[in-house]
Amino acid sequence: MTKVAIVYHSGYGHTAVLADKIAEGVRDAGQTPVVLKIDSAAQDFAPIIEQITEADAVVFGAPTYMGDVSGVFKVFADATAGVFFTGAWKDKLAAGFTNSHSFAGDKGHALESLTILAAQHGMNWVNLGLAPPGVTAAERGPDTINRVGSFIGLAAQSDNASPEITPPAGDRETARLFGVRIAEAAVRWTRGAQPALSEAA
């Protein structure tokens, strides 16, 4: 089966909720998620980097702090410089997700940072692929899919409450659907990378 690595940092557990729902979506698509949590800036990142290298696709995730990815995630990103020089992640599929307290919170900038990280490694980006709701702001509730209206990646919003309560159901379902999309894209991508039957004969 196609393997999708989900690599994330979560400061208070809300981004972890999204990672788990993305993994659920990967499983719903019949593929294998590998959830890799970044615990601290001081940890050894080598095992995570190795599992990303072995995966067919990777989803990067981090909370948005001060308009960008968390410092802990940035330390991990910098630690992938060795991979950059080998080109080991070139042409691998990548995607990204983030979460913040504010409805906007400059989450787009955090997603752009994840996109640039993927581009530095020569990876191919998979966007969210879910249209925002065609409703008014007043009608856009917590159960709405892609209620933030993000396109480049998954953007969620969490209130100042426990991860058991927030992010709300709509953001969680958006994350699950994102996982399905990434898994299906990875299947198509890896199949295309295999030699054609006529060439393999």
N, C-alpha and C. Protein backbone atom coordinates (compact mmCIF):
# COMPACT_ATOMS: atom_id res chain seq x y z
N MET A 1 0.84 -1.20 0.00
CA MET A 1 0.00 0.00 0.00
C MET A 1 0.87 1.26 0.00
N THR A 2 0.28 2.33 -0.46
CA THR A 2 0.97 3.61 -0.47
C THR A 2 1.08 4.15 0.95
N LYS A 3 2.26 4.69 1.26
CA LYS A 3 2.53 5.17 2.62
C LYS A 3 2.57 6.69 2.64
N VAL A 4 1.80 7.29 3.56
CA VAL A 4 1.74 8.74 3.71
C VAL A 4 2.24 9.11 5.10
N ALA A 5 3.34 9.85 5.17
CA ALA A 5 3.88 10.32 6.45
C ALA A 5 3.21 11.63 6.82
N ILE A 6 2.77 11.74 8.07
CA ILE A 6 2.15 12.96 8.58
C ILE A 6 3.05 13.46 9.70
N VAL A 7 3.80 14.52 9.41
CA VAL A 7 4.84 15.02 10.31
C VAL A 7 4.37 16.36 10.88
N TYR A 8 4.25 16.45 12.20
CA TYR A 8 3.67 17.68 12.75
C TYR A 8 4.21 17.99 14.13
N HIS A 9 4.10 19.28 14.49
CA HIS A 9 4.29 19.73 15.87
C HIS A 9 2.97 20.30 16.35
N SER A 10 2.63 20.05 17.60
CA SER A 10 1.40 20.57 18.19
C SER A 10 1.72 21.10 19.57
N GLY A 11 1.48 22.38 19.78
CA GLY A 11 1.80 22.97 21.06
C GLY A 11 0.82 22.61 22.17
N TYR A 12 -0.47 22.57 21.85
CA TYR A 12 -1.50 22.34 22.87
C TYR A 12 -2.47 21.22 22.51
N GLY A 13 -2.20 20.51 21.42
CA GLY A 13 -3.02 19.36 21.07
C GLY A 13 -4.01 19.59 19.95
N HIS A 14 -4.23 20.84 19.55
CA HIS A 14 -5.23 21.12 18.52
C HIS A 14 -4.75 20.71 17.13
N THR A 15 -3.48 20.98 16.84
CA THR A 15 -2.92 20.56 15.56
C THR A 15 -2.83 19.05 15.49
N ALA A 16 -2.63 18.40 16.63
CA ALA A 16 -2.60 16.94 16.68
C ALA A 16 -3.94 16.34 16.27
N VAL A 17 -5.03 17.01 16.63
CA VAL A 17 -6.37 16.55 16.22
C VAL A 17 -6.45 16.48 14.70
N LEU A 18 -5.94 17.50 14.04
CA LEU A 18 -5.95 17.53 12.58
C LEU A 18 -5.10 16.41 12.00
N ALA A 19 -3.93 16.18 12.60
CA ALA A 19 -3.05 15.11 12.13
C ALA A 19 -3.75 13.76 12.21
N ASP A 20 -4.45 13.53 13.31
CA ASP A 20 -5.17 12.26 13.48
C ASP A 20 -6.30 12.11 12.46
N LYS A 21 -6.98 13.21 12.15
CA LYS A 21 -8.07 13.13 11.17
C LYS A 21 -7.53 12.94 9.75
N ILE A 22 -6.40 13.55 9.45
CA ILE A 22 -5.76 13.31 8.15
C ILE A 22 -5.38 11.84 8.04
N ALA A 23 -4.83 11.28 9.11
CA ALA A 23 -4.48 9.86 9.11
C ALA A 23 -5.72 9.00 8.89
N GLU A 24 -6.83 9.39 9.50
CA GLU A 24 -8.09 8.66 9.30
C GLU A 24 -8.49 8.68 7.83
N GLY A 25 -8.34 9.83 7.20
CA GLY A 25 -8.67 9.94 5.79
C GLY A 25 -7.78 9.08 4.91
N VAL A 26 -6.50 9.01 5.25
CA VAL A 26 -5.58 8.14 4.50
C VAL A 26 -6.03 6.69 4.61
N ARG A 27 -6.42 6.29 5.82
CA ARG A 27 -6.91 4.91 6.01
C ARG A 27 -8.22 4.69 5.25
N ASP A 28 -9.10 5.69 5.25
CA ASP A 28 -10.36 5.57 4.53
C ASP A 28 -10.13 5.37 3.03
N ALA A 29 -9.01 5.88 2.55
CA ALA A 29 -8.66 5.71 1.13
C ALA A 29 -7.93 4.39 0.89
N GLY A 30 -7.81 3.58 1.94
CA GLY A 30 -7.20 2.27 1.79
C GLY A 30 -5.69 2.27 1.81
N GLN A 31 -5.09 3.37 2.30
CA GLN A 31 -3.63 3.47 2.31
C GLN A 31 -3.11 3.55 3.76
N THR A 32 -1.80 3.64 3.90
CA THR A 32 -1.16 3.54 5.22
C THR A 32 -0.63 4.88 5.70
N PRO A 33 -1.19 5.43 6.80
CA PRO A 33 -0.62 6.65 7.37
C PRO A 33 0.49 6.32 8.36
N VAL A 34 1.50 7.16 8.41
CA VAL A 34 2.56 7.06 9.40
C VAL A 34 2.61 8.40 10.12
N VAL A 35 2.09 8.45 11.34
CA VAL A 35 1.99 9.71 12.08
C VAL A 35 3.26 9.91 12.89
N LEU A 36 3.94 11.03 12.64
CA LEU A 36 5.23 11.33 13.25
C LEU A 36 5.15 12.67 13.97
N LYS A 37 5.10 12.63 15.30
CA LYS A 37 4.98 13.85 16.08
C LYS A 37 6.36 14.41 16.43
N ILE A 38 6.52 15.70 16.22
CA ILE A 38 7.73 16.40 16.65
C ILE A 38 7.48 16.90 18.06
N ASP A 39 8.22 16.37 19.01
CA ASP A 39 7.97 16.70 20.42
C ASP A 39 8.70 17.94 20.90
N SER A 40 9.95 18.12 20.46
CA SER A 40 10.73 19.26 20.94
C SER A 40 11.82 19.61 19.94
N ALA A 41 12.36 20.80 20.10
CA ALA A 41 13.44 21.25 19.22
C ALA A 41 14.74 20.52 19.51
N ALA A 42 14.82 19.86 20.66
CA ALA A 42 16.06 19.21 21.06
C ALA A 42 16.13 17.73 20.68
N GLN A 43 15.06 17.19 20.11
CA GLN A 43 15.05 15.76 19.84
C GLN A 43 15.91 15.41 18.62
N ASP A 44 16.19 14.13 18.48
CA ASP A 44 16.90 13.61 17.32
C ASP A 44 15.90 13.45 16.18
N PHE A 45 16.06 14.21 15.12
CA PHE A 45 15.11 14.17 14.00
C PHE A 45 15.42 13.07 12.99
N ALA A 46 16.55 12.39 13.16
CA ALA A 46 16.96 11.39 12.16
C ALA A 46 15.90 10.32 11.91
N PRO A 47 15.26 9.75 12.95
CA PRO A 47 14.23 8.73 12.68
C PRO A 47 13.04 9.27 11.89
N ILE A 48 12.64 10.51 12.16
CA ILE A 48 11.53 11.11 11.41
C ILE A 48 11.94 11.32 9.96
N ILE A 49 13.13 11.85 9.75
CA ILE A 49 13.62 12.10 8.40
C ILE A 49 13.71 10.79 7.62
N GLU A 50 14.14 9.74 8.28
CA GLU A 50 14.25 8.43 7.62
C GLU A 50 12.88 7.92 7.18
N GLN A 51 11.88 8.09 8.05
CA GLN A 51 10.54 7.60 7.70
C GLN A 51 9.89 8.44 6.60
N ILE A 52 10.20 9.74 6.57
CA ILE A 52 9.72 10.56 5.45
C ILE A 52 10.33 10.07 4.15
N THR A 53 11.61 9.77 4.18
CA THR A 53 12.31 9.30 2.98
C THR A 53 11.70 8.01 2.46
N GLU A 54 11.22 7.17 3.37
CA GLU A 54 10.64 5.89 2.97
C GLU A 54 9.18 6.02 2.50
N ALA A 55 8.54 7.14 2.81
CA ALA A 55 7.12 7.32 2.47
C ALA A 55 6.95 7.77 1.02
N ASP A 56 5.74 7.57 0.51
CA ASP A 56 5.41 8.01 -0.85
C ASP A 56 4.97 9.47 -0.88
N ALA A 57 4.45 9.95 0.23
CA ALA A 57 4.01 11.34 0.34
C ALA A 57 4.17 11.78 1.78
N VAL A 58 4.26 13.09 1.99
CA VAL A 58 4.40 13.61 3.35
C VAL A 58 3.48 14.81 3.52
N VAL A 59 2.86 14.90 4.68
CA VAL A 59 2.02 16.04 5.04
C VAL A 59 2.68 16.73 6.22
N PHE A 60 3.11 17.97 6.03
CA PHE A 60 3.73 18.75 7.09
C PHE A 60 2.66 19.54 7.83
N GLY A 61 2.76 19.60 9.16
CA GLY A 61 1.78 20.33 9.94
C GLY A 61 2.39 21.05 11.12
N ALA A 62 1.89 22.24 11.40
CA ALA A 62 2.37 23.02 12.54
C ALA A 62 1.32 24.05 12.91
N PRO A 63 1.26 24.43 14.18
CA PRO A 63 0.38 25.54 14.54
C PRO A 63 0.95 26.85 14.00
N THR A 64 0.10 27.82 13.81
CA THR A 64 0.56 29.15 13.42
C THR A 64 0.79 29.97 14.68
N TYR A 65 2.04 30.31 14.92
CA TYR A 65 2.42 31.17 16.04
C TYR A 65 3.03 32.45 15.48
N MET A 66 2.53 33.59 15.87
CA MET A 66 3.07 34.87 15.41
C MET A 66 3.18 34.92 13.89
N GLY A 67 2.18 34.36 13.21
CA GLY A 67 2.10 34.47 11.77
C GLY A 67 2.95 33.51 10.97
N ASP A 68 3.50 32.50 11.62
CA ASP A 68 4.32 31.52 10.90
C ASP A 68 4.26 30.19 11.63
N VAL A 69 4.95 29.19 11.07
CA VAL A 69 4.99 27.89 11.74
C VAL A 69 5.69 28.04 13.09
N SER A 70 5.41 27.12 13.99
CA SER A 70 6.02 27.17 15.32
C SER A 70 7.54 27.04 15.23
N GLY A 71 8.22 27.59 16.23
CA GLY A 71 9.68 27.52 16.27
C GLY A 71 10.19 26.09 16.30
N VAL A 72 9.47 25.22 17.00
CA VAL A 72 9.88 23.81 17.07
C VAL A 72 9.85 23.19 15.69
N PHE A 73 8.80 23.46 14.92
CA PHE A 73 8.74 22.90 13.57
C PHE A 73 9.85 23.48 12.70
N LYS A 74 10.16 24.76 12.87
CA LYS A 74 11.21 25.39 12.06
C LYS A 74 12.56 24.75 12.34
N VAL A 75 12.82 24.37 13.58
CA VAL A 75 14.07 23.68 13.90
C VAL A 75 14.14 22.35 13.14
N PHE A 76 13.01 21.63 13.13
CA PHE A 76 12.96 20.39 12.35
C PHE A 76 13.22 20.67 10.87
N ALA A 77 12.56 21.70 10.32
CA ALA A 77 12.74 22.02 8.91
C ALA A 77 14.20 22.30 8.59
N ASP A 78 14.86 23.05 9.46
CA ASP A 78 16.28 23.34 9.24
C ASP A 78 17.13 22.07 9.30
N ALA A 79 16.69 21.11 10.10
CA ALA A 79 17.43 19.85 10.24
C ALA A 79 17.35 18.98 9.00
N THR A 80 16.46 19.33 8.07
CA THR A 80 16.34 18.55 6.83
C THR A 80 17.32 19.02 5.76
N ALA A 81 18.20 19.95 6.10
CA ALA A 81 19.15 20.48 5.12
C ALA A 81 20.02 19.38 4.51
N GLY A 82 20.36 18.38 5.31
CA GLY A 82 21.16 17.28 4.79
C GLY A 82 20.45 16.53 3.67
N VAL A 83 19.13 16.41 3.81
CA VAL A 83 18.33 15.76 2.77
C VAL A 83 18.32 16.63 1.51
N PHE A 84 18.29 17.93 1.70
CA PHE A 84 18.31 18.86 0.57
C PHE A 84 19.51 18.60 -0.32
N PHE A 85 20.66 18.39 0.28
CA PHE A 85 21.88 18.20 -0.50
C PHE A 85 21.93 16.86 -1.22
N THR A 86 21.18 15.89 -0.75
CA THR A 86 21.15 14.59 -1.43
C THR A 86 20.02 14.48 -2.45
N GLY A 87 19.00 15.35 -2.31
CA GLY A 87 17.85 15.28 -3.21
C GLY A 87 16.97 14.07 -2.97
N ALA A 88 17.02 13.51 -1.76
CA ALA A 88 16.29 12.26 -1.48
C ALA A 88 14.77 12.43 -1.51
N TRP A 89 14.28 13.65 -1.32
CA TRP A 89 12.83 13.87 -1.33
C TRP A 89 12.33 14.45 -2.64
N LYS A 90 13.20 14.58 -3.62
CA LYS A 90 12.80 15.17 -4.90
C LYS A 90 11.69 14.34 -5.55
N ASP A 91 10.67 15.03 -6.04
CA ASP A 91 9.51 14.45 -6.73
C ASP A 91 8.59 13.64 -5.82
N LYS A 92 8.80 13.72 -4.51
CA LYS A 92 7.84 13.14 -3.57
C LYS A 92 6.66 14.11 -3.44
N LEU A 93 5.46 13.60 -3.19
CA LEU A 93 4.32 14.47 -2.97
C LEU A 93 4.35 15.06 -1.56
N ALA A 94 3.89 16.30 -1.43
CA ALA A 94 3.85 16.97 -0.13
C ALA A 94 2.57 17.79 -0.01
N ALA A 95 2.15 18.01 1.22
CA ALA A 95 0.98 18.85 1.52
C ALA A 95 1.19 19.44 2.90
N GLY A 96 0.29 20.34 3.32
CA GLY A 96 0.49 20.97 4.61
C GLY A 96 -0.80 21.39 5.29
N PHE A 97 -0.71 21.54 6.62
CA PHE A 97 -1.86 21.98 7.41
C PHE A 97 -1.41 22.80 8.59
N THR A 98 -2.30 23.67 9.04
CA THR A 98 -2.00 24.51 10.19
C THR A 98 -3.28 24.85 10.94
N ASN A 99 -3.12 25.42 12.11
CA ASN A 99 -4.23 25.77 12.99
C ASN A 99 -3.83 26.98 13.81
N SER A 100 -4.79 27.86 14.07
CA SER A 100 -4.52 28.98 14.97
C SER A 100 -5.80 29.36 15.69
N HIS A 101 -5.66 30.22 16.69
CA HIS A 101 -6.82 30.67 17.46
C HIS A 101 -7.67 31.64 16.65
N SER A 102 -7.03 32.55 15.95
CA SER A 102 -7.76 33.54 15.16
C SER A 102 -8.31 32.92 13.88
N PHE A 103 -9.38 33.51 13.37
CA PHE A 103 -9.98 32.98 12.14
C PHE A 103 -9.04 33.18 10.96
N ALA A 104 -8.31 34.29 10.96
CA ALA A 104 -7.29 34.51 9.93
C ALA A 104 -5.93 34.14 10.52
N GLY A 105 -5.42 34.99 11.39
CA GLY A 105 -4.19 34.66 12.11
C GLY A 105 -2.96 34.51 11.23
N ASP A 106 -3.03 34.99 9.98
CA ASP A 106 -1.92 34.82 9.03
C ASP A 106 -1.55 33.36 8.82
N LYS A 107 -2.56 32.51 8.88
CA LYS A 107 -2.33 31.08 8.62
C LYS A 107 -1.79 30.85 7.21
N GLY A 108 -2.19 31.71 6.28
CA GLY A 108 -1.70 31.56 4.91
C GLY A 108 -0.19 31.65 4.83
N HIS A 109 0.40 32.49 5.67
CA HIS A 109 1.86 32.62 5.67
C HIS A 109 2.51 31.34 6.19
N ALA A 110 1.91 30.74 7.20
CA ALA A 110 2.44 29.48 7.72
C ALA A 110 2.38 28.39 6.65
N LEU A 111 1.26 28.33 5.92
CA LEU A 111 1.13 27.34 4.85
C LEU A 111 2.14 27.62 3.73
N GLU A 112 2.40 28.89 3.45
CA GLU A 112 3.41 29.22 2.45
C GLU A 112 4.79 28.75 2.90
N SER A 113 5.07 28.84 4.18
CA SER A 113 6.35 28.35 4.69
C SER A 113 6.49 26.85 4.47
N LEU A 114 5.39 26.12 4.68
CA LEU A 114 5.42 24.67 4.44
C LEU A 114 5.58 24.38 2.95
N THR A 115 4.93 25.19 2.11
CA THR A 115 5.06 25.02 0.67
C THR A 115 6.49 25.26 0.21
N ILE A 116 7.11 26.30 0.75
CA ILE A 116 8.49 26.62 0.39
C ILE A 116 9.43 25.51 0.85
N LEU A 117 9.19 24.97 2.04
CA LEU A 117 10.01 23.84 2.51
C LEU A 117 9.94 22.70 1.50
N ALA A 118 8.73 22.38 1.06
CA ALA A 118 8.57 21.30 0.08
C ALA A 118 9.26 21.65 -1.23
N ALA A 119 9.14 22.90 -1.67
CA ALA A 119 9.77 23.32 -2.92
C ALA A 119 11.28 23.26 -2.84
N GLN A 120 11.83 23.61 -1.68
CA GLN A 120 13.28 23.52 -1.50
C GLN A 120 13.78 22.10 -1.73
N HIS A 121 12.95 21.15 -1.37
CA HIS A 121 13.31 19.74 -1.54
C HIS A 121 12.89 19.19 -2.91
N GLY A 122 12.32 20.03 -3.77
CA GLY A 122 11.91 19.57 -5.09
C GLY A 122 10.67 18.70 -5.07
N MET A 123 9.86 18.87 -4.03
CA MET A 123 8.65 18.06 -3.90
C MET A 123 7.49 18.69 -4.68
N ASN A 124 6.45 17.91 -4.91
CA ASN A 124 5.27 18.35 -5.65
C ASN A 124 4.10 18.54 -4.68
N TRP A 125 3.54 19.74 -4.68
CA TRP A 125 2.55 20.14 -3.67
C TRP A 125 1.13 19.73 -4.05
N VAL A 126 0.42 19.20 -3.06
CA VAL A 126 -1.00 18.86 -3.22
C VAL A 126 -1.81 19.87 -2.42
N ASN A 127 -2.66 20.63 -3.09
CA ASN A 127 -3.46 21.62 -2.37
C ASN A 127 -4.69 20.98 -1.73
N LEU A 128 -5.48 21.80 -1.05
CA LEU A 128 -6.62 21.27 -0.30
C LEU A 128 -7.68 20.66 -1.22
N GLY A 129 -7.98 21.33 -2.32
CA GLY A 129 -8.93 20.77 -3.29
C GLY A 129 -10.37 20.73 -2.82
N LEU A 130 -10.72 21.55 -1.84
CA LEU A 130 -12.09 21.60 -1.33
C LEU A 130 -12.60 23.04 -1.43
N ALA A 131 -13.65 23.25 -2.19
CA ALA A 131 -14.18 24.60 -2.36
C ALA A 131 -14.78 25.10 -1.05
N PRO A 132 -14.61 26.38 -0.75
CA PRO A 132 -15.27 26.93 0.44
C PRO A 132 -16.77 26.95 0.23
N PRO A 133 -17.53 27.04 1.30
CA PRO A 133 -18.99 26.99 1.18
C PRO A 133 -19.55 28.20 0.46
N GLY A 134 -20.54 27.97 -0.39
CA GLY A 134 -21.20 29.07 -1.08
C GLY A 134 -22.32 29.64 -0.25
N VAL A 135 -21.98 30.08 0.93
CA VAL A 135 -22.97 30.62 1.85
C VAL A 135 -22.46 31.94 2.40
N THR A 136 -23.33 32.67 3.08
CA THR A 136 -22.93 33.92 3.70
C THR A 136 -22.13 33.62 4.97
N ALA A 137 -21.44 34.64 5.44
CA ALA A 137 -20.65 34.48 6.66
C ALA A 137 -21.53 34.08 7.83
N ALA A 138 -22.76 34.60 7.85
CA ALA A 138 -23.68 34.28 8.94
C ALA A 138 -24.09 32.81 8.91
N GLU A 139 -24.13 32.23 7.71
CA GLU A 139 -24.54 30.83 7.57
C GLU A 139 -23.38 29.85 7.75
N ARG A 140 -22.17 30.36 7.74
CA ARG A 140 -20.99 29.51 7.83
C ARG A 140 -20.75 29.12 9.28
N GLY A 141 -21.12 27.89 9.64
CA GLY A 141 -21.03 27.45 11.01
C GLY A 141 -19.88 26.50 11.26
N PRO A 142 -19.75 26.00 12.48
CA PRO A 142 -18.64 25.13 12.86
C PRO A 142 -18.65 23.77 12.17
N ASP A 143 -19.77 23.40 11.55
CA ASP A 143 -19.83 22.11 10.84
C ASP A 143 -19.52 22.25 9.35
N THR A 144 -19.20 23.44 8.91
CA THR A 144 -18.98 23.70 7.49
C THR A 144 -17.61 23.21 7.04
N ILE A 145 -17.56 22.58 5.87
CA ILE A 145 -16.30 22.13 5.29
C ILE A 145 -15.52 23.34 4.77
N ASN A 146 -14.23 23.36 5.04
CA ASN A 146 -13.35 24.45 4.61
C ASN A 146 -13.95 25.82 4.93
N ARG A 147 -14.40 25.97 6.16
CA ARG A 147 -15.08 27.21 6.56
C ARG A 147 -14.14 28.40 6.56
N VAL A 148 -12.83 28.17 6.67
CA VAL A 148 -11.86 29.26 6.64
C VAL A 148 -11.65 29.76 5.20
N GLY A 149 -11.93 28.90 4.22
CA GLY A 149 -11.76 29.28 2.82
C GLY A 149 -10.32 29.23 2.37
N SER A 150 -9.61 28.18 2.75
CA SER A 150 -8.20 28.02 2.37
C SER A 150 -8.10 27.19 1.10
N PHE A 151 -7.06 27.43 0.32
CA PHE A 151 -6.85 26.67 -0.91
C PHE A 151 -5.48 25.99 -0.95
N ILE A 152 -4.44 26.67 -0.49
CA ILE A 152 -3.08 26.15 -0.59
C ILE A 152 -2.87 24.91 0.28
N GLY A 153 -3.61 24.83 1.36
CA GLY A 153 -3.51 23.70 2.29
C GLY A 153 -4.66 23.76 3.28
N LEU A 154 -4.59 22.92 4.30
CA LEU A 154 -5.64 22.87 5.31
C LEU A 154 -5.39 23.93 6.38
N ALA A 155 -6.37 24.79 6.59
CA ALA A 155 -6.30 25.81 7.63
C ALA A 155 -7.49 25.63 8.56
N ALA A 156 -7.21 25.47 9.84
CA ALA A 156 -8.27 25.27 10.83
C ALA A 156 -8.19 26.36 11.89
N GLN A 157 -9.28 26.51 12.62
CA GLN A 157 -9.35 27.51 13.69
C GLN A 157 -9.84 26.84 14.96
N SER A 158 -9.13 27.10 16.06
CA SER A 158 -9.51 26.53 17.35
C SER A 158 -9.78 27.62 18.37
N ASP A 159 -10.84 27.46 19.12
CA ASP A 159 -11.12 28.38 20.22
C ASP A 159 -10.19 28.08 21.39
N ASN A 160 -10.26 28.93 22.39
CA ASN A 160 -9.43 28.76 23.58
C ASN A 160 -10.08 27.73 24.50
N ALA A 161 -10.04 26.47 24.06
CA ALA A 161 -10.64 25.36 24.79
C ALA A 161 -9.83 24.10 24.52
N SER A 162 -10.19 23.01 25.14
CA SER A 162 -9.41 21.78 25.02
C SER A 162 -9.55 21.16 23.63
N PRO A 163 -8.58 20.34 23.21
CA PRO A 163 -8.66 19.68 21.90
C PRO A 163 -9.83 18.71 21.79
N GLU A 164 -10.44 18.33 22.89
CA GLU A 164 -11.63 17.49 22.82
C GLU A 164 -12.82 18.26 22.25
N ILE A 165 -12.77 19.59 22.37
CA ILE A 165 -13.88 20.44 21.96
C ILE A 165 -13.60 21.14 20.63
N THR A 166 -12.39 21.58 20.44
CA THR A 166 -12.02 22.41 19.30
C THR A 166 -10.68 21.97 18.75
N PRO A 167 -10.45 21.99 17.43
CA PRO A 167 -11.26 22.57 16.37
C PRO A 167 -12.59 21.84 16.18
N PRO A 168 -13.55 22.54 15.58
CA PRO A 168 -14.90 21.99 15.48
C PRO A 168 -15.03 20.90 14.41
N ALA A 169 -16.23 20.35 14.33
CA ALA A 169 -16.48 19.20 13.45
C ALA A 169 -16.18 19.48 11.99
N GLY A 170 -16.49 20.69 11.53
CA GLY A 170 -16.24 21.01 10.13
C GLY A 170 -14.77 20.97 9.77
N ASP A 171 -13.93 21.51 10.65
CA ASP A 171 -12.48 21.48 10.42
C ASP A 171 -11.94 20.05 10.48
N ARG A 172 -12.48 19.26 11.38
CA ARG A 172 -12.04 17.86 11.49
C ARG A 172 -12.41 17.07 10.24
N GLU A 173 -13.61 17.30 9.73
CA GLU A 173 -14.01 16.60 8.51
C GLU A 173 -13.21 17.10 7.30
N THR A 174 -12.90 18.39 7.29
CA THR A 174 -12.05 18.91 6.23
C THR A 174 -10.70 18.21 6.25
N ALA A 175 -10.15 18.00 7.45
CA ALA A 175 -8.87 17.30 7.58
C ALA A 175 -8.97 15.87 7.08
N ARG A 176 -10.07 15.20 7.41
CA ARG A 176 -10.24 13.81 6.95
C ARG A 176 -10.31 13.75 5.43
N LEU A 177 -11.08 14.64 4.84
CA LEU A 177 -11.19 14.67 3.38
C LEU A 177 -9.85 15.01 2.73
N PHE A 178 -9.07 15.86 3.38
CA PHE A 178 -7.73 16.18 2.90
C PHE A 178 -6.85 14.94 2.90
N GLY A 179 -6.97 14.13 3.95
CA GLY A 179 -6.22 12.88 4.01
C GLY A 179 -6.58 11.94 2.88
N VAL A 180 -7.87 11.86 2.58
CA VAL A 180 -8.32 11.03 1.45
C VAL A 180 -7.71 11.54 0.15
N ARG A 181 -7.76 12.85 -0.05
CA ARG A 181 -7.22 13.45 -1.28
C ARG A 181 -5.73 13.16 -1.44
N ILE A 182 -4.98 13.35 -0.37
CA ILE A 182 -3.53 13.14 -0.44
C ILE A 182 -3.22 11.68 -0.74
N ALA A 183 -3.92 10.77 -0.08
CA ALA A 183 -3.69 9.34 -0.30
C ALA A 183 -4.00 8.95 -1.74
N GLU A 184 -5.12 9.43 -2.26
CA GLU A 184 -5.49 9.10 -3.64
C GLU A 184 -4.50 9.69 -4.63
N ALA A 185 -4.02 10.90 -4.36
CA ALA A 185 -3.02 11.52 -5.23
C ALA A 185 -1.72 10.73 -5.19
N ALA A 186 -1.34 10.26 -4.00
CA ALA A 186 -0.10 9.49 -3.86
C ALA A 186 -0.19 8.16 -4.60
N VAL A 187 -1.36 7.54 -4.58
CA VAL A 187 -1.54 6.29 -5.32
C VAL A 187 -1.34 6.53 -6.81
N ARG A 188 -1.98 7.57 -7.33
CA ARG A 188 -1.83 7.89 -8.75
C ARG A 188 -0.38 8.21 -9.09
N TRP A 189 0.27 8.95 -8.21
CA TRP A 189 1.65 9.38 -8.46
C TRP A 189 2.61 8.20 -8.46
N THR A 190 2.47 7.32 -7.50
CA THR A 190 3.39 6.18 -7.42
C THR A 190 3.14 5.18 -8.54
N ARG A 191 1.89 5.01 -8.93
CA ARG A 191 1.60 4.12 -10.06
C ARG A 191 2.21 4.67 -11.35
N GLY A 192 2.15 5.98 -11.50
CA GLY A 192 2.74 6.58 -12.69
C GLY A 192 4.24 6.47 -12.73
N ALA A 193 4.85 6.31 -11.53
CA ALA A 193 6.30 6.20 -11.47
C ALA A 193 6.79 4.81 -11.82
N GLN A 194 5.88 3.82 -11.85
CA GLN A 194 6.26 2.45 -12.19
C GLN A 194 6.45 2.31 -13.70
N PRO A 195 7.36 1.44 -14.13
CA PRO A 195 7.54 1.23 -15.57
C PRO A 195 6.26 0.71 -16.21
N ALA A 196 5.99 1.15 -17.42
CA ALA A 196 4.85 0.63 -18.17
C ALA A 196 5.05 -0.85 -18.44
N LEU A 197 3.94 -1.58 -18.59
CA LEU A 197 4.04 -3.03 -18.79
C LEU A 197 4.89 -3.36 -20.01
N SER A 198 4.74 -2.57 -21.07
CA SER A 198 5.52 -2.85 -22.27
C SER A 198 7.00 -2.61 -22.05
N GLU A 199 7.32 -1.63 -21.20
CA GLU A 199 8.72 -1.34 -20.91
C GLU A 199 9.32 -2.37 -19.97
N ALA A 200 8.46 -2.90 -19.06
CA ALA A 200 8.97 -3.84 -18.06
C ALA A 200 9.12 -5.24 -18.64
N ALA A 201 8.44 -5.52 -19.76
CA ALA A 201 8.47 -6.87 -20.34
C ALA A 201 9.83 -7.20 -20.94
